[in-house]
Amino acid sequence: MPLSGEAIRTMNYVDDISVTLRRILAVLPSLTDEERARVAEHIKQADPSYDSVITAVSAKK
């Protein structure tokens, strides 16, 4: 069954997220311990979180 345009767009958003995460990983070695801790806290407080999106995608209707 072919995917809808909305599903394809959503998959492209996931690809964009992956690029962003790779950029974050590339920068981490150059951060101080304090900066890394602040970035980690910022990620933990992000809403919606990656985990909440995975839960929503996996939920059965």
PDB file of N, CA and C in Angstrom:
ATOM      1  N   MET A   1       0.836  -1.167   0.000  1.00  0.00           N
ATOM      2  CA  MET A   1       0.000   0.000   0.000  1.00  0.00           C
ATOM      3  C   MET A   1       0.893   1.247   0.000  1.00  0.00           C
ATOM      4  N   PRO A   2       0.664   2.182  -0.895  1.00  0.00           N
ATOM      5  CA  PRO A   2       1.500   3.386  -0.967  1.00  0.00           C
ATOM      6  C   PRO A   2       1.254   4.307   0.229  1.00  0.00           C
ATOM      7  N   LEU A   3       2.296   5.053   0.584  1.00  0.00           N
ATOM      8  CA  LEU A   3       2.188   5.995   1.702  1.00  0.00           C
ATOM      9  C   LEU A   3       1.515   7.284   1.259  1.00  0.00           C
ATOM     10  N   SER A   4       0.812   7.899   2.184  1.00  0.00           N
ATOM     11  CA  SER A   4       0.202   9.199   1.905  1.00  0.00           C
ATOM     12  C   SER A   4       1.292  10.275   1.926  1.00  0.00           C
ATOM     13  N   GLY A   5       0.962  11.397   1.355  1.00  0.00           N
ATOM     14  CA  GLY A   5       1.896  12.524   1.376  1.00  0.00           C
ATOM     15  C   GLY A   5       2.221  12.946   2.797  1.00  0.00           C
ATOM     16  N   GLU A   6       1.227  12.874   3.676  1.00  0.00           N
ATOM     17  CA  GLU A   6       1.437  13.258   5.081  1.00  0.00           C
ATOM     18  C   GLU A   6       2.417  12.304   5.764  1.00  0.00           C
ATOM     19  N   ALA A   7       2.322  11.015   5.471  1.00  0.00           N
ATOM     20  CA  ALA A   7       3.251  10.042   6.052  1.00  0.00           C
ATOM     21  C   ALA A   7       4.669  10.289   5.544  1.00  0.00           C
ATOM     22  N   ILE A   8       4.805  10.585   4.269  1.00  0.00           N
ATOM     23  CA  ILE A   8       6.129  10.861   3.697  1.00  0.00           C
ATOM     24  C   ILE A   8       6.712  12.124   4.320  1.00  0.00           C
ATOM     25  N   ARG A   9       5.893  13.177   4.471  1.00  0.00           N
ATOM     26  CA  ARG A   9       6.361  14.412   5.112  1.00  0.00           C
ATOM     27  C   ARG A   9       6.808  14.144   6.549  1.00  0.00           C
ATOM     28  N   THR A  10       6.052  13.324   7.252  1.00  0.00           N
ATOM     29  CA  THR A  10       6.396  12.994   8.634  1.00  0.00           C
ATOM     30  C   THR A  10       7.720  12.245   8.696  1.00  0.00           C
ATOM     31  N   MET A  11       7.943  11.338   7.770  1.00  0.00           N
ATOM     32  CA  MET A  11       9.216  10.619   7.720  1.00  0.00           C
ATOM     33  C   MET A  11      10.360  11.582   7.411  1.00  0.00           C
ATOM     34  N   ASN A  12      10.112  12.579   6.584  1.00  0.00           N
ATOM     35  CA  ASN A  12      11.135  13.591   6.310  1.00  0.00           C
ATOM     36  C   ASN A  12      11.458  14.394   7.565  1.00  0.00           C
ATOM     37  N   TYR A  13      10.451  14.659   8.409  1.00  0.00           N
ATOM     38  CA  TYR A  13      10.696  15.338   9.681  1.00  0.00           C
ATOM     39  C   TYR A  13      11.616  14.492  10.558  1.00  0.00           C
ATOM     40  N   VAL A  14      11.398  13.191  10.566  1.00  0.00           N
ATOM     41  CA  VAL A  14      12.253  12.289  11.332  1.00  0.00           C
ATOM     42  C   VAL A  14      13.690  12.373  10.816  1.00  0.00           C
ATOM     43  N   ASP A  15      13.859  12.417   9.502  1.00  0.00           N
ATOM     44  CA  ASP A  15      15.198  12.570   8.935  1.00  0.00           C
ATOM     45  C   ASP A  15      15.838  13.882   9.398  1.00  0.00           C
ATOM     46  N   ASP A  16      15.050  14.950   9.456  1.00  0.00           N
ATOM     47  CA  ASP A  16      15.561  16.238   9.933  1.00  0.00           C
ATOM     48  C   ASP A  16      15.993  16.151  11.402  1.00  0.00           C
ATOM     49  N   ILE A  17      15.218  15.429  12.200  1.00  0.00           N
ATOM     50  CA  ILE A  17      15.579  15.235  13.607  1.00  0.00           C
ATOM     51  C   ILE A  17      16.898  14.484  13.716  1.00  0.00           C
ATOM     52  N   SER A  18      17.083  13.468  12.883  1.00  0.00           N
ATOM     53  CA  SER A  18      18.325  12.690  12.901  1.00  0.00           C
ATOM     54  C   SER A  18      19.528  13.564  12.569  1.00  0.00           C
ATOM     55  N   VAL A  19      19.371  14.450  11.599  1.00  0.00           N
ATOM     56  CA  VAL A  19      20.461  15.371  11.235  1.00  0.00           C
ATOM     57  C   VAL A  19      20.786  16.264  12.426  1.00  0.00           C
ATOM     58  N   THR A  20      19.763  16.773  13.083  1.00  0.00           N
ATOM     59  CA  THR A  20      19.974  17.638  14.247  1.00  0.00           C
ATOM     60  C   THR A  20      20.683  16.887  15.366  1.00  0.00           C
ATOM     61  N   LEU A  21      20.281  15.654  15.623  1.00  0.00           N
ATOM     62  CA  LEU A  21      20.927  14.865  16.666  1.00  0.00           C
ATOM     63  C   LEU A  21      22.388  14.576  16.325  1.00  0.00           C
ATOM     64  N   ARG A  22      22.694  14.332  15.058  1.00  0.00           N
ATOM     65  CA  ARG A  22      24.087  14.136  14.654  1.00  0.00           C
ATOM     66  C   ARG A  22      24.898  15.407  14.901  1.00  0.00           C
ATOM     67  N   ARG A  23      24.306  16.565  14.639  1.00  0.00           N
ATOM     68  CA  ARG A  23      24.994  17.838  14.888  1.00  0.00           C
ATOM     69  C   ARG A  23      25.258  18.024  16.374  1.00  0.00           C
ATOM     70  N   ILE A  24      24.283  17.681  17.195  1.00  0.00           N
ATOM     71  CA  ILE A  24      24.468  17.782  18.648  1.00  0.00           C
ATOM     72  C   ILE A  24      25.610  16.873  19.090  1.00  0.00           C
ATOM     73  N   LEU A  25      25.616  15.637  18.611  1.00  0.00           N
ATOM     74  CA  LEU A  25      26.681  14.702  18.976  1.00  0.00           C
ATOM     75  C   LEU A  25      28.057  15.189  18.523  1.00  0.00           C
ATOM     76  N   ALA A  26      28.122  15.843  17.381  1.00  0.00           N
ATOM     77  CA  ALA A  26      29.397  16.344  16.866  1.00  0.00           C
ATOM     78  C   ALA A  26      29.946  17.478  17.720  1.00  0.00           C
ATOM     79  N   VAL A  27      29.057  18.268  18.331  1.00  0.00           N
ATOM     80  CA  VAL A  27      29.479  19.422  19.126  1.00  0.00           C
ATOM     81  C   VAL A  27      29.841  19.041  20.560  1.00  0.00           C
ATOM     82  N   LEU A  28      29.251  17.986  21.089  1.00  0.00           N
ATOM     83  CA  LEU A  28      29.441  17.635  22.491  1.00  0.00           C
ATOM     84  C   LEU A  28      30.897  17.577  22.952  1.00  0.00           C
ATOM     85  N   PRO A  29      31.814  17.011  22.172  1.00  0.00           N
ATOM     86  CA  PRO A  29      33.202  16.942  22.645  1.00  0.00           C
ATOM     87  C   PRO A  29      33.833  18.316  22.896  1.00  0.00           C
ATOM     88  N   SER A  30      33.321  19.354  22.267  1.00  0.00           N
ATOM     89  CA  SER A  30      33.915  20.683  22.432  1.00  0.00           C
ATOM     90  C   SER A  30      33.316  21.460  23.605  1.00  0.00           C
ATOM     91  N   LEU A  31      32.289  20.929  24.257  1.00  0.00           N
ATOM     92  CA  LEU A  31      31.649  21.612  25.371  1.00  0.00           C
ATOM     93  C   LEU A  31      32.335  21.284  26.691  1.00  0.00           C
ATOM     94  N   THR A  32      32.266  22.245  27.604  1.00  0.00           N
ATOM     95  CA  THR A  32      32.768  21.983  28.954  1.00  0.00           C
ATOM     96  C   THR A  32      31.763  21.087  29.683  1.00  0.00           C
ATOM     97  N   ASP A  33      32.192  20.562  30.828  1.00  0.00           N
ATOM     98  CA  ASP A  33      31.292  19.724  31.622  1.00  0.00           C
ATOM     99  C   ASP A  33      30.043  20.502  32.028  1.00  0.00           C
ATOM    100  N   GLU A  34      30.219  21.769  32.408  1.00  0.00           N
ATOM    101  CA  GLU A  34      29.075  22.590  32.805  1.00  0.00           C
ATOM    102  C   GLU A  34      28.121  22.808  31.625  1.00  0.00           C
ATOM    103  N   GLU A  35      28.686  23.077  30.461  1.00  0.00           N
ATOM    104  CA  GLU A  35      27.852  23.271  29.270  1.00  0.00           C
ATOM    105  C   GLU A  35      27.099  21.995  28.913  1.00  0.00           C
ATOM    106  N   ARG A  36      27.784  20.880  28.998  1.00  0.00           N
ATOM    107  CA  ARG A  36      27.137  19.595  28.701  1.00  0.00           C
ATOM    108  C   ARG A  36      25.980  19.342  29.652  1.00  0.00           C
ATOM    109  N   ALA A  37      26.177  19.657  30.935  1.00  0.00           N
ATOM    110  CA  ALA A  37      25.119  19.472  31.923  1.00  0.00           C
ATOM    111  C   ALA A  37      23.924  20.369  31.608  1.00  0.00           C
ATOM    112  N   ARG A  38      24.188  21.600  31.213  1.00  0.00           N
ATOM    113  CA  ARG A  38      23.086  22.518  30.889  1.00  0.00           C
ATOM    114  C   ARG A  38      22.346  22.075  29.634  1.00  0.00           C
ATOM    115  N   VAL A  39      23.092  21.594  28.639  1.00  0.00           N
ATOM    116  CA  VAL A  39      22.452  21.079  27.418  1.00  0.00           C
ATOM    117  C   VAL A  39      21.608  19.853  27.757  1.00  0.00           C
ATOM    118  N   ALA A  40      22.145  18.966  28.588  1.00  0.00           N
ATOM    119  CA  ALA A  40      21.409  17.762  28.977  1.00  0.00           C
ATOM    120  C   ALA A  40      20.112  18.135  29.686  1.00  0.00           C
ATOM    121  N   GLU A  41      20.169  19.102  30.587  1.00  0.00           N
ATOM    122  CA  GLU A  41      18.966  19.531  31.310  1.00  0.00           C
ATOM    123  C   GLU A  41      17.961  20.150  30.341  1.00  0.00           C
ATOM    124  N   HIS A  42      18.448  20.917  29.400  1.00  0.00           N
ATOM    125  CA  HIS A  42      17.570  21.531  28.397  1.00  0.00           C
ATOM    126  C   HIS A  42      16.861  20.462  27.563  1.00  0.00           C
ATOM    127  N   ILE A  43      17.595  19.439  27.176  1.00  0.00           N
ATOM    128  CA  ILE A  43      17.005  18.339  26.401  1.00  0.00           C
ATOM    129  C   ILE A  43      15.952  17.611  27.233  1.00  0.00           C
ATOM    130  N   LYS A  44      16.252  17.357  28.510  1.00  0.00           N
ATOM    131  CA  LYS A  44      15.306  16.649  29.385  1.00  0.00           C
ATOM    132  C   LYS A  44      14.007  17.421  29.552  1.00  0.00           C
ATOM    133  N   GLN A  45      14.089  18.761  29.540  1.00  0.00           N
ATOM    134  CA  GLN A  45      12.906  19.590  29.755  1.00  0.00           C
ATOM    135  C   GLN A  45      12.149  19.907  28.462  1.00  0.00           C
ATOM    136  N   ALA A  46      12.683  19.506  27.332  1.00  0.00           N
ATOM    137  CA  ALA A  46      12.035  19.797  26.045  1.00  0.00           C
ATOM    138  C   ALA A  46      10.665  19.129  25.997  1.00  0.00           C
ATOM    139  N   ASP A  47       9.700  19.865  25.463  1.00  0.00           N
ATOM    140  CA  ASP A  47       8.349  19.323  25.361  1.00  0.00           C
ATOM    141  C   ASP A  47       7.755  19.710  24.012  1.00  0.00           C
ATOM    142  N   PRO A  48       7.327  18.777  23.214  1.00  0.00           N
ATOM    143  CA  PRO A  48       7.251  17.354  23.532  1.00  0.00           C
ATOM    144  C   PRO A  48       8.631  16.704  23.468  1.00  0.00           C
ATOM    145  N   SER A  49       8.787  15.635  24.204  1.00  0.00           N
ATOM    146  CA  SER A  49      10.051  14.907  24.195  1.00  0.00           C
ATOM    147  C   SER A  49      10.027  13.846  23.098  1.00  0.00           C
ATOM    148  N   TYR A  50      11.206  13.372  22.779  1.00  0.00           N
ATOM    149  CA  TYR A  50      11.321  12.296  21.787  1.00  0.00           C
ATOM    150  C   TYR A  50      10.512  11.083  22.258  1.00  0.00           C
ATOM    151  N   ASP A  51      10.638  10.769  23.555  1.00  0.00           N
ATOM    152  CA  ASP A  51       9.915   9.612  24.104  1.00  0.00           C
ATOM    153  C   ASP A  51       8.403   9.778  24.000  1.00  0.00           C
ATOM    154  N   SER A  52       7.896  10.994  24.246  1.00  0.00           N
ATOM    155  CA  SER A  52       6.443  11.188  24.172  1.00  0.00           C
ATOM    156  C   SER A  52       5.940  11.028  22.735  1.00  0.00           C
ATOM    157  N   VAL A  53       6.758  11.409  21.771  1.00  0.00           N
ATOM    158  CA  VAL A  53       6.370  11.232  20.368  1.00  0.00           C
ATOM    159  C   VAL A  53       6.369   9.747  20.010  1.00  0.00           C
ATOM    160  N   ILE A  54       7.385   9.020  20.449  1.00  0.00           N
ATOM    161  CA  ILE A  54       7.441   7.574  20.189  1.00  0.00           C
ATOM    162  C   ILE A  54       6.213   6.893  20.809  1.00  0.00           C
ATOM    163  N   THR A  55       5.848   7.281  22.018  1.00  0.00           N
ATOM    164  CA  THR A  55       4.669   6.710  22.672  1.00  0.00           C
ATOM    165  C   THR A  55       3.418   6.988  21.850  1.00  0.00           C
ATOM    166  N   ALA A  56       3.284   8.215  21.364  1.00  0.00           N
ATOM    167  CA  ALA A  56       2.102   8.580  20.572  1.00  0.00           C
ATOM    168  C   ALA A  56       2.059   7.806  19.254  1.00  0.00           C
ATOM    169  N   VAL A  57       3.207   7.654  18.616  1.00  0.00           N
ATOM    170  CA  VAL A  57       3.258   6.930  17.335  1.00  0.00           C
ATOM    171  C   VAL A  57       2.933   5.453  17.545  1.00  0.00           C
ATOM    172  N   SER A  58       3.383   4.904  18.652  1.00  0.00           N
ATOM    173  CA  SER A  58       3.193   3.476  18.923  1.00  0.00           C
ATOM    174  C   SER A  58       1.819   3.139  19.466  1.00  0.00           C
ATOM    175  N   ALA A  59       1.084   4.135  19.936  1.00  0.00           N
ATOM    176  CA  ALA A  59      -0.220   3.892  20.549  1.00  0.00           C
ATOM    177  C   ALA A  59      -1.202   3.343  19.525  1.00  0.00           C
ATOM    178  N   LYS A  60      -1.962   2.356  19.943  1.00  0.00           N
ATOM    179  CA  LYS A  60      -2.992   1.793  19.086  1.00  0.00           C
ATOM    180  C   LYS A  60      -4.259   2.605  19.282  1.00  0.00           C
ATOM    181  N   LYS A  61      -4.964   2.844  18.195  1.00  0.00           N
ATOM    182  CA  LYS A  61      -6.216   3.589  18.274  1.00  0.00           C
ATOM    183  C   LYS A  61      -7.364   2.681  18.536  1.00  0.00           C
TER     184      LYS A  61
END
